[in-house]
C-alpha atoms as a PDB file:
ATOM      1  CA  MET A   1     -15.169   9.438  -1.590  1.00  0.00           C
ATOM      2  CA  PHE A   2     -13.739   6.261  -3.565  1.00  0.00           C
ATOM      3  CA  ALA A   3     -14.500   2.724  -2.807  1.00  0.00           C
ATOM      4  CA  LEU A   4     -11.344   0.935  -3.098  1.00  0.00           C
ATOM      5  CA  ALA A   5     -10.664  -2.645  -1.652  1.00  0.00           C
ATOM      6  CA  LEU A   6      -9.065  -3.455   1.394  1.00  0.00           C
ATOM      7  CA  THR A   7      -8.797  -7.382   0.986  1.00  0.00           C
ATOM      8  CA  GLY A   8      -9.801  -7.906  -2.227  1.00  0.00           C
ATOM      9  CA  PRO A   9     -12.391  -6.709  -5.109  1.00  0.00           C
ATOM     10  CA  ALA A  10     -15.467  -8.030  -3.243  1.00  0.00           C
ATOM     11  CA  ALA A  11     -14.652  -6.146  -0.302  1.00  0.00           C
ATOM     12  CA  ALA A  12     -14.375  -2.592  -1.093  1.00  0.00           C
ATOM     13  CA  GLN A  13     -14.396  -0.007   1.854  1.00  0.00           C
ATOM     14  CA  ASN A  14     -14.896   3.949   2.409  1.00  0.00           C
ATOM     15  CA  GLU A  15     -11.766   5.870   1.967  1.00  0.00           C
ATOM     16  CA  SER A  16     -11.944   6.684   5.579  1.00  0.00           C
ATOM     17  CA  ASP A  17     -10.765   3.308   6.351  1.00  0.00           C
ATOM     18  CA  TRP A  18      -7.151   4.250   5.418  1.00  0.00           C
ATOM     19  CA  LEU A  19      -4.533   6.088   7.196  1.00  0.00           C
ATOM     20  CA  ALA A  20      -2.427   8.758   5.695  1.00  0.00           C
ATOM     21  CA  PHE A  21       1.084   8.343   6.452  1.00  0.00           C
ATOM     22  CA  PHE A  22       3.289  10.533   4.316  1.00  0.00           C
ATOM     23  CA  THR A  23       2.822  13.765   2.202  1.00  0.00           C
ATOM     24  CA  TYR A  24       5.489  14.995  -0.413  1.00  0.00           C
ATOM     25  CA  GLU A  25       5.058  17.453  -2.914  1.00  0.00           C
ATOM     26  CA  GLY A  26       1.254  17.759  -2.443  1.00  0.00           C
ATOM     27  CA  VAL A  27       0.583  13.932  -2.531  1.00  0.00           C
ATOM     28  CA  THR A  28      -0.540  12.296   0.147  1.00  0.00           C
ATOM     29  CA  PHE A  29      -0.069   8.280   0.897  1.00  0.00           C
ATOM     30  CA  TYR A  30      -2.513   5.983   2.722  1.00  0.00           C
ATOM     31  CA  TRP A  31      -2.191   2.373   4.118  1.00  0.00           C
ATOM     32  CA  SER A  32      -4.886   0.277   5.095  1.00  0.00           C
ATOM     33  CA  PRO A  33      -4.819  -1.216   8.747  1.00  0.00           C
ATOM     34  CA  ALA A  34      -7.080  -3.904   7.760  1.00  0.00           C
ATOM     35  CA  SER A  35      -4.566  -5.074   4.983  1.00  0.00           C
ATOM     36  CA  LEU A  36      -1.773  -5.473   7.352  1.00  0.00           C
ATOM     37  CA  LYS A  37      -0.118  -9.074   7.605  1.00  0.00           C
ATOM     38  CA  ARG A  38       2.297  -9.855   9.769  1.00  0.00           C
ATOM     39  CA  GLU A  39       4.774 -12.991   8.214  1.00  0.00           C
ATOM     40  CA  GLY A  40       8.008 -13.183  10.842  1.00  0.00           C
ATOM     41  CA  THR A  41       9.914  -9.884  10.215  1.00  0.00           C
ATOM     42  CA  ALA A  42       8.000  -9.235   7.330  1.00  0.00           C
ATOM     43  CA  ARG A  43       4.895  -6.857   6.376  1.00  0.00           C
ATOM     44  CA  VAL A  44       2.365  -7.139   3.537  1.00  0.00           C
ATOM     45  CA  VAL A  45       0.198  -4.292   3.370  1.00  0.00           C
ATOM     46  CA  LYS A  46      -1.847  -2.097   0.636  1.00  0.00           C
ATOM     47  CA  TRP A  47      -1.166   1.383   0.004  1.00  0.00           C
ATOM     48  CA  HIS A  48      -2.550   3.966  -2.319  1.00  0.00           C
ATOM     49  CA  ASP A  49      -1.505   7.932  -3.103  1.00  0.00           C
ATOM     50  CA  THR A  50      -4.161  10.851  -3.804  1.00  0.00           C
ATOM     51  CA  ARG A  51      -2.398  11.016  -7.492  1.00  0.00           C
ATOM     52  CA  ASN A  52      -3.386   7.946  -8.218  1.00  0.00           C
ATOM     53  CA  PRO A  53      -6.335   6.835  -6.060  1.00  0.00           C
ATOM     54  CA  GLN A  54      -7.802   4.138  -8.787  1.00  0.00           C
ATOM     55  CA  VAL A  55      -4.904   2.033  -7.903  1.00  0.00           C
ATOM     56  CA  VAL A  56      -4.319   0.522  -4.780  1.00  0.00           C
ATOM     57  CA  PHE A  57      -0.518  -1.409  -4.225  1.00  0.00           C
ATOM     58  CA  LYS A  58       0.208  -4.344  -1.967  1.00  0.00           C
ATOM     59  CA  VAL A  59       3.631  -4.691  -0.943  1.00  0.00           C
ATOM     60  CA  GLN A  60       5.994  -6.462   1.486  1.00  0.00           C
ATOM     61  CA  ILE A  61       8.184  -4.846   3.366  1.00  0.00           C
ATOM     62  CA  ASP A  62      11.167  -6.845   5.145  1.00  0.00           C
ATOM     63  CA  CYS A  63      11.500  -4.889   8.331  1.00  0.00           C
ATOM     64  CA  LYS A  64      14.820  -6.142   9.127  1.00  0.00           C
ATOM     65  CA  ALA A  65      16.776  -6.168   5.581  1.00  0.00           C
ATOM     66  CA  ARG A  66      14.716  -2.385   5.062  1.00  0.00           C
ATOM     67  CA  THR A  67      13.413  -3.809   1.542  1.00  0.00           C
ATOM     68  CA  ILE A  68      10.080  -3.466  -0.165  1.00  0.00           C
ATOM     69  CA  GLN A  69       8.410  -5.452  -3.162  1.00  0.00           C
ATOM     70  CA  SER A  70       5.430  -4.623  -5.004  1.00  0.00           C
ATOM     71  CA  LEU A  71       3.248  -8.041  -4.925  1.00  0.00           C
ATOM     72  CA  SER A  72       0.642  -6.608  -6.886  1.00  0.00           C
ATOM     73  CA  ALA A  73      -2.021  -3.650  -7.857  1.00  0.00           C
ATOM     74  CA  ASP A  74      -5.749  -3.674  -7.811  1.00  0.00           C
ATOM     75  CA  GLU A  75      -7.445  -1.330 -10.222  1.00  0.00           C
ATOM     76  CA  TYR A  76     -10.644   0.555  -9.873  1.00  0.00           C
ATOM     77  CA  ASP A  77     -13.028   2.676 -11.967  1.00  0.00           C
ATOM     78  CA  LEU A  78     -11.784   6.368 -11.093  1.00  0.00           C
ATOM     79  CA  ASN A  79     -15.397   7.626 -11.192  1.00  0.00           C
ATOM     80  CA  THR A  80     -17.438   4.614  -9.930  1.00  0.00           C
ATOM     81  CA  GLY A  81     -14.857   2.919  -7.655  1.00  0.00           C
ATOM     82  CA  ALA A  82     -15.693  -0.694  -8.929  1.00  0.00           C
ATOM     83  CA  TYR A  83     -13.059  -3.188  -9.205  1.00  0.00           C
ATOM     84  CA  TYR A  84     -11.380  -3.422 -12.679  1.00  0.00           C
ATOM     85  CA  GLN A  85      -8.673  -6.280 -12.306  1.00  0.00           C
ATOM     86  CA  THR A  86      -5.381  -6.920 -10.313  1.00  0.00           C
ATOM     87  CA  GLN A  87      -2.061  -7.100 -11.925  1.00  0.00           C
ATOM     88  CA  ASP A  88       0.424  -9.551 -10.823  1.00  0.00           C
ATOM     89  CA  LEU A  89       3.702  -7.506  -9.728  1.00  0.00           C
ATOM     90  CA  SER A  90       5.377 -10.282  -7.988  1.00  0.00           C
ATOM     91  CA  GLY A  91       8.048 -10.719 -10.670  1.00  0.00           C
ATOM     92  CA  SER A  92       9.382  -7.202  -9.862  1.00  0.00           C
ATOM     93  CA  PRO A  93      12.531  -6.324  -8.129  1.00  0.00           C
ATOM     94  CA  VAL A  94      13.308  -5.837  -4.490  1.00  0.00           C
ATOM     95  CA  ASP A  95      14.168  -2.346  -3.679  1.00  0.00           C
ATOM     96  CA  THR A  96      15.939  -1.070  -0.677  1.00  0.00           C
ATOM     97  CA  LEU A  97      13.435   1.247   1.136  1.00  0.00           C
ATOM     98  CA  GLY A  98      15.683   4.722   0.896  1.00  0.00           C
ATOM     99  CA  THR A  99      16.368   7.842   2.914  1.00  0.00           C
ATOM    100  CA  PRO A 100      14.704   7.978   6.097  1.00  0.00           C
ATOM    101  CA  ALA A 101      12.238  10.799   4.340  1.00  0.00           C
ATOM    102  CA  SER A 102      11.271   8.595   1.368  1.00  0.00           C
ATOM    103  CA  MET A 103       7.701   6.954   1.197  1.00  0.00           C
ATOM    104  CA  GLY A 104       9.019   3.413   1.263  1.00  0.00           C
ATOM    105  CA  SER A 105      11.197   4.277   5.211  1.00  0.00           C
ATOM    106  CA  LYS A 106       7.512   6.097   6.050  1.00  0.00           C
ATOM    107  CA  LEU A 107       5.673   2.935   5.443  1.00  0.00           C
ATOM    108  CA  ALA A 108       7.791   0.364   6.644  1.00  0.00           C
ATOM    109  CA  ALA A 109       8.505   2.869  10.100  1.00  0.00           C
ATOM    110  CA  THR A 110       4.400   2.840  10.140  1.00  0.00           C
ATOM    111  CA  VAL A 111       4.087  -1.226   9.971  1.00  0.00           C
ATOM    112  CA  CYS A 112       7.411  -2.556  11.304  1.00  0.00           C
ATOM    113  CA  ASN A 113       6.883  -0.741  14.754  1.00  0.00           C
ATOM    114  CA  ASP A 114       7.004  -3.987  16.569  1.00  0.00           C
ATOM    115  CA  VAL A 115       9.887  -5.636  15.156  1.00  0.00           C
END
């Protein structure tokens, strides 16, 4: 199992702390309930997938506008799970969530259920 950060590089957690929310073409996507922050109608949350388990993305979802924006990517050593670096992605474009069957829409449905 991989050690991945939930709240930051120093807070590595076990893979069992992540919940699966979507599977597509053999790739399973997980989100971290411990990372969820509510900011009005926006939600900030971390996710990763089984294709690239060494990268944990932090995104902001606007539940009302149905948009998603990547904020950062934490990178870990694939073999040891040790934290490597964080890339700032806050300058990335805001995207629409896409179809109800897309990864972004599934994540929004999971974290925006109280909006």
